[in-house]
mmCIF file of all heavy atoms, coordinates in Angstrom:
data_MODEL
# 
_entry.id   MODEL 
# 
loop_
_atom_site.group_PDB 
_atom_site.id 
_atom_site.type_symbol 
_atom_site.label_atom_id 
_atom_site.label_alt_id 
_atom_site.label_comp_id 
_atom_site.label_asym_id 
_atom_site.label_entity_id 
_atom_site.label_seq_id 
_atom_site.pdbx_PDB_ins_code 
_atom_site.Cartn_x 
_atom_site.Cartn_y 
_atom_site.Cartn_z 
_atom_site.occupancy 
_atom_site.B_iso_or_equiv 
_atom_site.pdbx_formal_charge 
_atom_site.auth_seq_id 
_atom_site.auth_comp_id 
_atom_site.auth_asym_id 
_atom_site.auth_atom_id 
_atom_site.pdbx_PDB_model_num 
ATOM 1   N N   . LEU A 1 1  ? 106.421 105.646 122.351 1.00 0.00 ? 1  LEU A N   1 
ATOM 2   C CA  . LEU A 1 1  ? 107.419 106.295 123.200 1.00 0.00 ? 1  LEU A CA  1 
ATOM 3   C C   . LEU A 1 1  ? 106.821 107.546 123.822 1.00 0.00 ? 1  LEU A C   1 
ATOM 4   O O   . LEU A 1 1  ? 105.964 108.208 123.223 1.00 0.00 ? 1  LEU A O   1 
ATOM 5   C CB  . LEU A 1 1  ? 108.675 106.634 122.432 1.00 0.00 ? 1  LEU A CB  1 
ATOM 6   C CG  . LEU A 1 1  ? 109.507 105.421 121.918 1.00 0.00 ? 1  LEU A CG  1 
ATOM 7   C CD1 . LEU A 1 1  ? 110.603 105.937 120.982 1.00 0.00 ? 1  LEU A CD1 1 
ATOM 8   C CD2 . LEU A 1 1  ? 110.097 104.670 123.080 1.00 0.00 ? 1  LEU A CD2 1 
ATOM 9   N N   . PRO A 1 2  ? 107.236 107.949 125.029 1.00 0.00 ? 2  PRO A N   1 
ATOM 10  C CA  . PRO A 1 2  ? 106.631 109.072 125.698 1.00 0.00 ? 2  PRO A CA  1 
ATOM 11  C C   . PRO A 1 2  ? 106.832 110.431 124.990 1.00 0.00 ? 2  PRO A C   1 
ATOM 12  O O   . PRO A 1 2  ? 105.889 111.219 125.015 1.00 0.00 ? 2  PRO A O   1 
ATOM 13  C CB  . PRO A 1 2  ? 107.339 109.107 127.089 1.00 0.00 ? 2  PRO A CB  1 
ATOM 14  C CG  . PRO A 1 2  ? 107.981 107.826 127.244 1.00 0.00 ? 2  PRO A CG  1 
ATOM 15  C CD  . PRO A 1 2  ? 108.202 107.219 125.879 1.00 0.00 ? 2  PRO A CD  1 
ATOM 16  N N   . ASP A 1 3  ? 107.964 110.661 124.412 1.00 0.00 ? 3  ASP A N   1 
ATOM 17  C CA  . ASP A 1 3  ? 108.205 112.013 123.817 1.00 0.00 ? 3  ASP A CA  1 
ATOM 18  C C   . ASP A 1 3  ? 107.247 112.388 122.705 1.00 0.00 ? 3  ASP A C   1 
ATOM 19  O O   . ASP A 1 3  ? 106.874 113.563 122.616 1.00 0.00 ? 3  ASP A O   1 
ATOM 20  C CB  . ASP A 1 3  ? 109.689 112.193 123.463 1.00 0.00 ? 3  ASP A CB  1 
ATOM 21  C CG  . ASP A 1 3  ? 110.216 111.184 122.465 1.00 0.00 ? 3  ASP A CG  1 
ATOM 22  O OD1 . ASP A 1 3  ? 110.038 109.966 122.704 1.00 0.00 ? 3  ASP A OD1 1 
ATOM 23  O OD2 . ASP A 1 3  ? 110.808 111.556 121.448 1.00 0.00 ? 3  ASP A OD2 1 
ATOM 24  N N   . PRO A 1 4  ? 106.781 111.451 121.862 1.00 0.00 ? 4  PRO A N   1 
ATOM 25  C CA  . PRO A 1 4  ? 105.817 111.906 120.836 1.00 0.00 ? 4  PRO A CA  1 
ATOM 26  C C   . PRO A 1 4  ? 104.358 111.748 121.251 1.00 0.00 ? 4  PRO A C   1 
ATOM 27  O O   . PRO A 1 4  ? 103.457 111.880 120.418 1.00 0.00 ? 4  PRO A O   1 
ATOM 28  C CB  . PRO A 1 4  ? 106.147 110.999 119.630 1.00 0.00 ? 4  PRO A CB  1 
ATOM 29  C CG  . PRO A 1 4  ? 106.656 109.733 120.253 1.00 0.00 ? 4  PRO A CG  1 
ATOM 30  C CD  . PRO A 1 4  ? 107.350 110.162 121.514 1.00 0.00 ? 4  PRO A CD  1 
ATOM 31  N N   . HIS A 1 5  ? 104.075 111.486 122.546 1.00 0.00 ? 5  HIS A N   1 
ATOM 32  C CA  . HIS A 1 5  ? 102.685 111.341 122.985 1.00 0.00 ? 5  HIS A CA  1 
ATOM 33  C C   . HIS A 1 5  ? 101.889 112.595 122.589 1.00 0.00 ? 5  HIS A C   1 
ATOM 34  O O   . HIS A 1 5  ? 102.346 113.695 122.717 1.00 0.00 ? 5  HIS A O   1 
ATOM 35  C CB  . HIS A 1 5  ? 102.554 111.172 124.470 1.00 0.00 ? 5  HIS A CB  1 
ATOM 36  C CG  . HIS A 1 5  ? 102.698 109.712 124.945 1.00 0.00 ? 5  HIS A CG  1 
ATOM 37  N ND1 . HIS A 1 5  ? 102.482 109.303 126.177 1.00 0.00 ? 5  HIS A ND1 1 
ATOM 38  C CD2 . HIS A 1 5  ? 103.028 108.614 124.217 1.00 0.00 ? 5  HIS A CD2 1 
ATOM 39  C CE1 . HIS A 1 5  ? 102.681 107.998 126.294 1.00 0.00 ? 5  HIS A CE1 1 
ATOM 40  N NE2 . HIS A 1 5  ? 103.025 107.573 125.080 1.00 0.00 ? 5  HIS A NE2 1 
ATOM 41  N N   . GLY A 1 6  ? 100.692 112.360 122.088 1.00 0.00 ? 6  GLY A N   1 
ATOM 42  C CA  . GLY A 1 6  ? 99.827  113.471 121.688 1.00 0.00 ? 6  GLY A CA  1 
ATOM 43  C C   . GLY A 1 6  ? 100.012 113.904 120.251 1.00 0.00 ? 6  GLY A C   1 
ATOM 44  O O   . GLY A 1 6  ? 99.323  114.758 119.734 1.00 0.00 ? 6  GLY A O   1 
ATOM 45  N N   . GLY A 1 7  ? 100.953 113.241 119.551 1.00 0.00 ? 7  GLY A N   1 
ATOM 46  C CA  . GLY A 1 7  ? 101.248 113.612 118.152 1.00 0.00 ? 7  GLY A CA  1 
ATOM 47  C C   . GLY A 1 7  ? 100.506 112.824 117.131 1.00 0.00 ? 7  GLY A C   1 
ATOM 48  O O   . GLY A 1 7  ? 100.729 113.017 115.910 1.00 0.00 ? 7  GLY A O   1 
ATOM 49  N N   . GLY A 1 8  ? 99.633  111.901 117.530 1.00 0.00 ? 8  GLY A N   1 
ATOM 50  C CA  . GLY A 1 8  ? 98.831  111.137 116.587 1.00 0.00 ? 8  GLY A CA  1 
ATOM 51  C C   . GLY A 1 8  ? 99.325  109.752 116.303 1.00 0.00 ? 8  GLY A C   1 
ATOM 52  O O   . GLY A 1 8  ? 98.656  108.997 115.569 1.00 0.00 ? 8  GLY A O   1 
ATOM 53  N N   . ALA A 1 9  ? 100.454 109.347 116.845 1.00 0.00 ? 9  ALA A N   1 
ATOM 54  C CA  . ALA A 1 9  ? 101.017 108.006 116.560 1.00 0.00 ? 9  ALA A CA  1 
ATOM 55  C C   . ALA A 1 9  ? 100.121 106.926 117.073 1.00 0.00 ? 9  ALA A C   1 
ATOM 56  O O   . ALA A 1 9  ? 99.859  105.938 116.371 1.00 0.00 ? 9  ALA A O   1 
ATOM 57  C CB  . ALA A 1 9  ? 102.439 107.859 117.101 1.00 0.00 ? 9  ALA A CB  1 
ATOM 58  N N   . ALA A 1 10 ? 99.662  107.036 118.311 1.00 0.00 ? 10 ALA A N   1 
ATOM 59  C CA  . ALA A 1 10 ? 98.798  105.972 118.880 1.00 0.00 ? 10 ALA A CA  1 
ATOM 60  C C   . ALA A 1 10 ? 97.486  105.872 118.116 1.00 0.00 ? 10 ALA A C   1 
ATOM 61  O O   . ALA A 1 10 ? 97.048  104.750 117.815 1.00 0.00 ? 10 ALA A O   1 
ATOM 62  C CB  . ALA A 1 10 ? 98.543  106.245 120.369 1.00 0.00 ? 10 ALA A CB  1 
ATOM 63  N N   . ALA A 1 11 ? 96.879  106.974 117.809 1.00 0.00 ? 11 ALA A N   1 
ATOM 64  C CA  . ALA A 1 11 ? 95.621  106.945 117.047 1.00 0.00 ? 11 ALA A CA  1 
ATOM 65  C C   . ALA A 1 11 ? 95.882  106.358 115.657 1.00 0.00 ? 11 ALA A C   1 
ATOM 66  O O   . ALA A 1 11 ? 95.052  105.606 115.127 1.00 0.00 ? 11 ALA A O   1 
ATOM 67  C CB  . ALA A 1 11 ? 95.011  108.317 116.945 1.00 0.00 ? 11 ALA A CB  1 
ATOM 68  N N   . GLY A 1 12 ? 96.989  106.710 115.008 1.00 0.00 ? 12 GLY A N   1 
ATOM 69  C CA  . GLY A 1 12 ? 97.332  106.195 113.708 1.00 0.00 ? 12 GLY A CA  1 
ATOM 70  C C   . GLY A 1 12 ? 97.561  104.681 113.770 1.00 0.00 ? 12 GLY A C   1 
ATOM 71  O O   . GLY A 1 12 ? 97.126  103.936 112.859 1.00 0.00 ? 12 GLY A O   1 
ATOM 72  N N   . LEU A 1 13 ? 98.282  104.198 114.804 1.00 0.00 ? 13 LEU A N   1 
ATOM 73  C CA  . LEU A 1 13 ? 98.455  102.765 114.972 1.00 0.00 ? 13 LEU A CA  1 
ATOM 74  C C   . LEU A 1 13 ? 97.138  102.067 115.198 1.00 0.00 ? 13 LEU A C   1 
ATOM 75  O O   . LEU A 1 13 ? 96.912  100.983 114.625 1.00 0.00 ? 13 LEU A O   1 
ATOM 76  C CB  . LEU A 1 13 ? 99.366  102.483 116.162 1.00 0.00 ? 13 LEU A CB  1 
ATOM 77  C CG  . LEU A 1 13 ? 100.863 102.754 115.896 1.00 0.00 ? 13 LEU A CG  1 
ATOM 78  C CD1 . LEU A 1 13 ? 101.626 102.804 117.202 1.00 0.00 ? 13 LEU A CD1 1 
ATOM 79  C CD2 . LEU A 1 13 ? 101.464 101.722 114.947 1.00 0.00 ? 13 LEU A CD2 1 
ATOM 80  N N   . MET A 1 14 ? 96.259  102.674 115.988 1.00 0.00 ? 14 MET A N   1 
ATOM 81  C CA  . MET A 1 14 ? 94.937  102.050 116.195 1.00 0.00 ? 14 MET A CA  1 
ATOM 82  C C   . MET A 1 14 ? 94.149  101.962 114.917 1.00 0.00 ? 14 MET A C   1 
ATOM 83  O O   . MET A 1 14 ? 93.592  100.890 114.582 1.00 0.00 ? 14 MET A O   1 
ATOM 84  C CB  . MET A 1 14 ? 94.170  102.854 117.258 1.00 0.00 ? 14 MET A CB  1 
ATOM 85  C CG  . MET A 1 14 ? 92.780  102.246 117.571 1.00 0.00 ? 14 MET A CG  1 
ATOM 86  S SD  . MET A 1 14 ? 92.863  100.614 118.325 1.00 0.00 ? 14 MET A SD  1 
ATOM 87  C CE  . MET A 1 14 ? 93.304  101.056 119.983 1.00 0.00 ? 14 MET A CE  1 
ATOM 88  N N   . THR A 1 15 ? 94.113  103.019 114.120 1.00 0.00 ? 15 THR A N   1 
ATOM 89  C CA  . THR A 1 15 ? 93.403  102.999 112.868 1.00 0.00 ? 15 THR A CA  1 
ATOM 90  C C   . THR A 1 15 ? 93.952  101.917 111.959 1.00 0.00 ? 15 THR A C   1 
ATOM 91  O O   . THR A 1 15 ? 93.245  101.145 111.349 1.00 0.00 ? 15 THR A O   1 
ATOM 92  C CB  . THR A 1 15 ? 93.470  104.367 112.182 1.00 0.00 ? 15 THR A CB  1 
ATOM 93  O OG1 . THR A 1 15 ? 92.794  105.328 113.011 1.00 0.00 ? 15 THR A OG1 1 
ATOM 94  C CG2 . THR A 1 15 ? 92.821  104.346 110.820 1.00 0.00 ? 15 THR A CG2 1 
ATOM 95  N N   . GLY A 1 16 ? 95.294  101.851 111.863 1.00 0.00 ? 16 GLY A N   1 
ATOM 96  C CA  . GLY A 1 16 ? 95.947  100.809 111.076 1.00 0.00 ? 16 GLY A CA  1 
ATOM 97  C C   . GLY A 1 16 ? 95.613  99.419  111.549 1.00 0.00 ? 16 GLY A C   1 
ATOM 98  O O   . GLY A 1 16 ? 95.321  98.508  110.733 1.00 0.00 ? 16 GLY A O   1 
ATOM 99  N N   . ALA A 1 17 ? 95.620  99.199  112.865 1.00 0.00 ? 17 ALA A N   1 
ATOM 100 C CA  . ALA A 1 17 ? 95.306  97.882  113.398 1.00 0.00 ? 17 ALA A CA  1 
ATOM 101 C C   . ALA A 1 17 ? 93.855  97.509  113.135 1.00 0.00 ? 17 ALA A C   1 
ATOM 102 O O   . ALA A 1 17 ? 93.579  96.349  112.760 1.00 0.00 ? 17 ALA A O   1 
ATOM 103 C CB  . ALA A 1 17 ? 95.589  97.891  114.894 1.00 0.00 ? 17 ALA A CB  1 
ATOM 104 N N   . LEU A 1 18 ? 92.935  98.444  113.337 1.00 0.00 ? 18 LEU A N   1 
ATOM 105 C CA  . LEU A 1 18 ? 91.530  98.147  113.065 1.00 0.00 ? 18 LEU A CA  1 
ATOM 106 C C   . LEU A 1 18 ? 91.302  97.816  111.588 1.00 0.00 ? 18 LEU A C   1 
ATOM 107 O O   . LEU A 1 18 ? 90.571  96.860  111.249 1.00 0.00 ? 18 LEU A O   1 
ATOM 108 C CB  . LEU A 1 18 ? 90.669  99.295  113.506 1.00 0.00 ? 18 LEU A CB  1 
ATOM 109 C CG  . LEU A 1 18 ? 90.643  99.612  114.988 1.00 0.00 ? 18 LEU A CG  1 
ATOM 110 C CD1 . LEU A 1 18 ? 89.880  100.913 115.290 1.00 0.00 ? 18 LEU A CD1 1 
ATOM 111 C CD2 . LEU A 1 18 ? 90.084  98.428  115.795 1.00 0.00 ? 18 LEU A CD2 1 
ATOM 112 N N   . ARG A 1 19 ? 91.934  98.508  110.707 1.00 0.00 ? 19 ARG A N   1 
ATOM 113 C CA  . ARG A 1 19 ? 91.851  98.265  109.244 1.00 0.00 ? 19 ARG A CA  1 
ATOM 114 C C   . ARG A 1 19 ? 92.432  96.886  108.940 1.00 0.00 ? 19 ARG A C   1 
ATOM 115 O O   . ARG A 1 19 ? 91.865  96.142  108.123 1.00 0.00 ? 19 ARG A O   1 
ATOM 116 C CB  . ARG A 1 19 ? 92.503  99.354  108.450 1.00 0.00 ? 19 ARG A CB  1 
ATOM 117 C CG  . ARG A 1 19 ? 91.730  100.608 108.417 1.00 0.00 ? 19 ARG A CG  1 
ATOM 118 C CD  . ARG A 1 19 ? 92.408  101.690 107.587 1.00 0.00 ? 19 ARG A CD  1 
ATOM 119 N NE  . ARG A 1 19 ? 91.578  102.904 107.583 1.00 0.00 ? 19 ARG A NE  1 
ATOM 120 C CZ  . ARG A 1 19 ? 92.096  104.099 107.323 1.00 0.00 ? 19 ARG A CZ  1 
ATOM 121 N NH1 . ARG A 1 19 ? 93.329  104.268 106.996 1.00 0.00 ? 19 ARG A NH1 1 
ATOM 122 N NH2 . ARG A 1 19 ? 91.270  105.151 107.358 1.00 0.00 ? 19 ARG A NH2 1 
ATOM 123 N N   . ALA A 1 20 ? 93.550  96.570  109.493 1.00 0.00 ? 20 ALA A N   1 
ATOM 124 C CA  . ALA A 1 20 ? 94.193  95.298  109.246 1.00 0.00 ? 20 ALA A CA  1 
ATOM 125 C C   . ALA A 1 20 ? 93.307  94.149  109.754 1.00 0.00 ? 20 ALA A C   1 
ATOM 126 O O   . ALA A 1 20 ? 93.174  93.118  109.073 1.00 0.00 ? 20 ALA A O   1 
ATOM 127 C CB  . ALA A 1 20 ? 95.561  95.215  109.883 1.00 0.00 ? 20 ALA A CB  1 
ATOM 128 N N   . ALA A 1 21 ? 92.711  94.310  110.912 1.00 0.00 ? 21 ALA A N   1 
ATOM 129 C CA  . ALA A 1 21 ? 91.813  93.277  111.432 1.00 0.00 ? 21 ALA A CA  1 
ATOM 130 C C   . ALA A 1 21 ? 90.592  93.063  110.528 1.00 0.00 ? 21 ALA A C   1 
ATOM 131 O O   . ALA A 1 21 ? 90.222  91.933  110.235 1.00 0.00 ? 21 ALA A O   1 
ATOM 132 C CB  . ALA A 1 21 ? 91.373  93.644  112.877 1.00 0.00 ? 21 ALA A CB  1 
ATOM 133 N N   . ALA A 1 22 ? 90.026  94.157  110.077 1.00 0.00 ? 22 ALA A N   1 
ATOM 134 C CA  . ALA A 1 22 ? 88.866  94.087  109.193 1.00 0.00 ? 22 ALA A CA  1 
ATOM 135 C C   . ALA A 1 22 ? 89.263  93.430  107.898 1.00 0.00 ? 22 ALA A C   1 
ATOM 136 O O   . ALA A 1 22 ? 88.548  92.570  107.363 1.00 0.00 ? 22 ALA A O   1 
ATOM 137 C CB  . ALA A 1 22 ? 88.274  95.472  108.936 1.00 0.00 ? 22 ALA A CB  1 
ATOM 138 N N   . ALA A 1 23 ? 90.417  93.771  107.352 1.00 0.00 ? 23 ALA A N   1 
ATOM 139 C CA  . ALA A 1 23 ? 90.889  93.141  106.093 1.00 0.00 ? 23 ALA A CA  1 
ATOM 140 C C   . ALA A 1 23 ? 91.118  91.664  106.260 1.00 0.00 ? 23 ALA A C   1 
ATOM 141 O O   . ALA A 1 23 ? 91.029  90.912  105.272 1.00 0.00 ? 23 ALA A O   1 
ATOM 142 C CB  . ALA A 1 23 ? 92.159  93.841  105.633 1.00 0.00 ? 23 ALA A CB  1 
ATOM 143 N N   . ARG A 1 24 ? 91.435  91.205  107.513 1.00 0.00 ? 24 ARG A N   1 
ATOM 144 C CA  . ARG A 1 24 ? 91.644  89.760  107.717 1.00 0.00 ? 24 ARG A CA  1 
ATOM 145 C C   . ARG A 1 24 ? 90.353  89.069  108.075 1.00 0.00 ? 24 ARG A C   1 
ATOM 146 O O   . ARG A 1 24 ? 90.377  87.893  108.471 1.00 0.00 ? 24 ARG A O   1 
ATOM 147 C CB  . ARG A 1 24 ? 92.685  89.649  108.842 1.00 0.00 ? 24 ARG A CB  1 
ATOM 148 C CG  . ARG A 1 24 ? 94.061  90.121  108.412 1.00 0.00 ? 24 ARG A CG  1 
ATOM 149 C CD  . ARG A 1 24 ? 95.050  90.277  109.543 1.00 0.00 ? 24 ARG A CD  1 
ATOM 150 N NE  . ARG A 1 24 ? 95.526  89.049  110.126 1.00 0.00 ? 24 ARG A NE  1 
ATOM 151 C CZ  . ARG A 1 24 ? 96.579  88.378  109.683 1.00 0.00 ? 24 ARG A CZ  1 
ATOM 152 N NH1 . ARG A 1 24 ? 97.304  88.847  108.693 1.00 0.00 ? 24 ARG A NH1 1 
ATOM 153 N NH2 . ARG A 1 24 ? 96.966  87.260  110.275 1.00 0.00 ? 24 ARG A NH2 1 
ATOM 154 N N   . GLY A 1 25 ? 89.231  89.783  108.027 1.00 0.00 ? 25 GLY A N   1 
ATOM 155 C CA  . GLY A 1 25 ? 87.918  89.141  108.267 1.00 0.00 ? 25 GLY A CA  1 
ATOM 156 C C   . GLY A 1 25 ? 87.350  89.230  109.672 1.00 0.00 ? 25 GLY A C   1 
ATOM 157 O O   . GLY A 1 25 ? 86.358  88.646  109.957 1.00 0.00 ? 25 GLY A O   1 
ATOM 158 N N   . ALA A 1 26 ? 88.048  89.956  110.553 1.00 0.00 ? 26 ALA A N   1 
ATOM 159 C CA  . ALA A 1 26 ? 87.544  90.060  111.920 1.00 0.00 ? 26 ALA A CA  1 
ATOM 160 C C   . ALA A 1 26 ? 86.235  90.900  111.994 1.00 0.00 ? 26 ALA A C   1 
ATOM 161 O O   . ALA A 1 26 ? 86.119  91.854  111.258 1.00 0.00 ? 26 ALA A O   1 
ATOM 162 C CB  . ALA A 1 26 ? 88.603  90.685  112.846 1.00 0.00 ? 26 ALA A CB  1 
ATOM 163 N N   . ARG A 1 27 ? 85.358  90.507  112.890 1.00 0.00 ? 27 ARG A N   1 
ATOM 164 C CA  . ARG A 1 27 ? 84.156  91.286  113.146 1.00 0.00 ? 27 ARG A CA  1 
ATOM 165 C C   . ARG A 1 27 ? 84.311  92.177  114.367 1.00 0.00 ? 27 ARG A C   1 
ATOM 166 O O   . ARG A 1 27 ? 83.471  93.018  114.646 1.00 0.00 ? 27 ARG A O   1 
ATOM 167 C CB  . ARG A 1 27 ? 82.972  90.368  113.322 1.00 0.00 ? 27 ARG A CB  1 
ATOM 168 C CG  . ARG A 1 27 ? 82.552  89.708  112.032 1.00 0.00 ? 27 ARG A CG  1 
ATOM 169 C CD  . ARG A 1 27 ? 81.279  88.920  112.132 1.00 0.00 ? 27 ARG A CD  1 
ATOM 170 N NE  . ARG A 1 27 ? 80.252  89.627  112.825 1.00 0.00 ? 27 ARG A NE  1 
ATOM 171 C CZ  . ARG A 1 27 ? 79.456  89.111  113.795 1.00 0.00 ? 27 ARG A CZ  1 
ATOM 172 N NH1 . ARG A 1 27 ? 79.638  87.873  114.169 1.00 0.00 ? 27 ARG A NH1 1 
ATOM 173 N NH2 . ARG A 1 27 ? 78.546  89.822  114.375 1.00 0.00 ? 27 ARG A NH2 1 
# 
């Protein structure tokens, strides 16, 4: 959402997504 931009949510989601992909065996 626009109001929390810059608060770390997008970067946190990205980190979580990358970790989830790695845990599922993605290269």
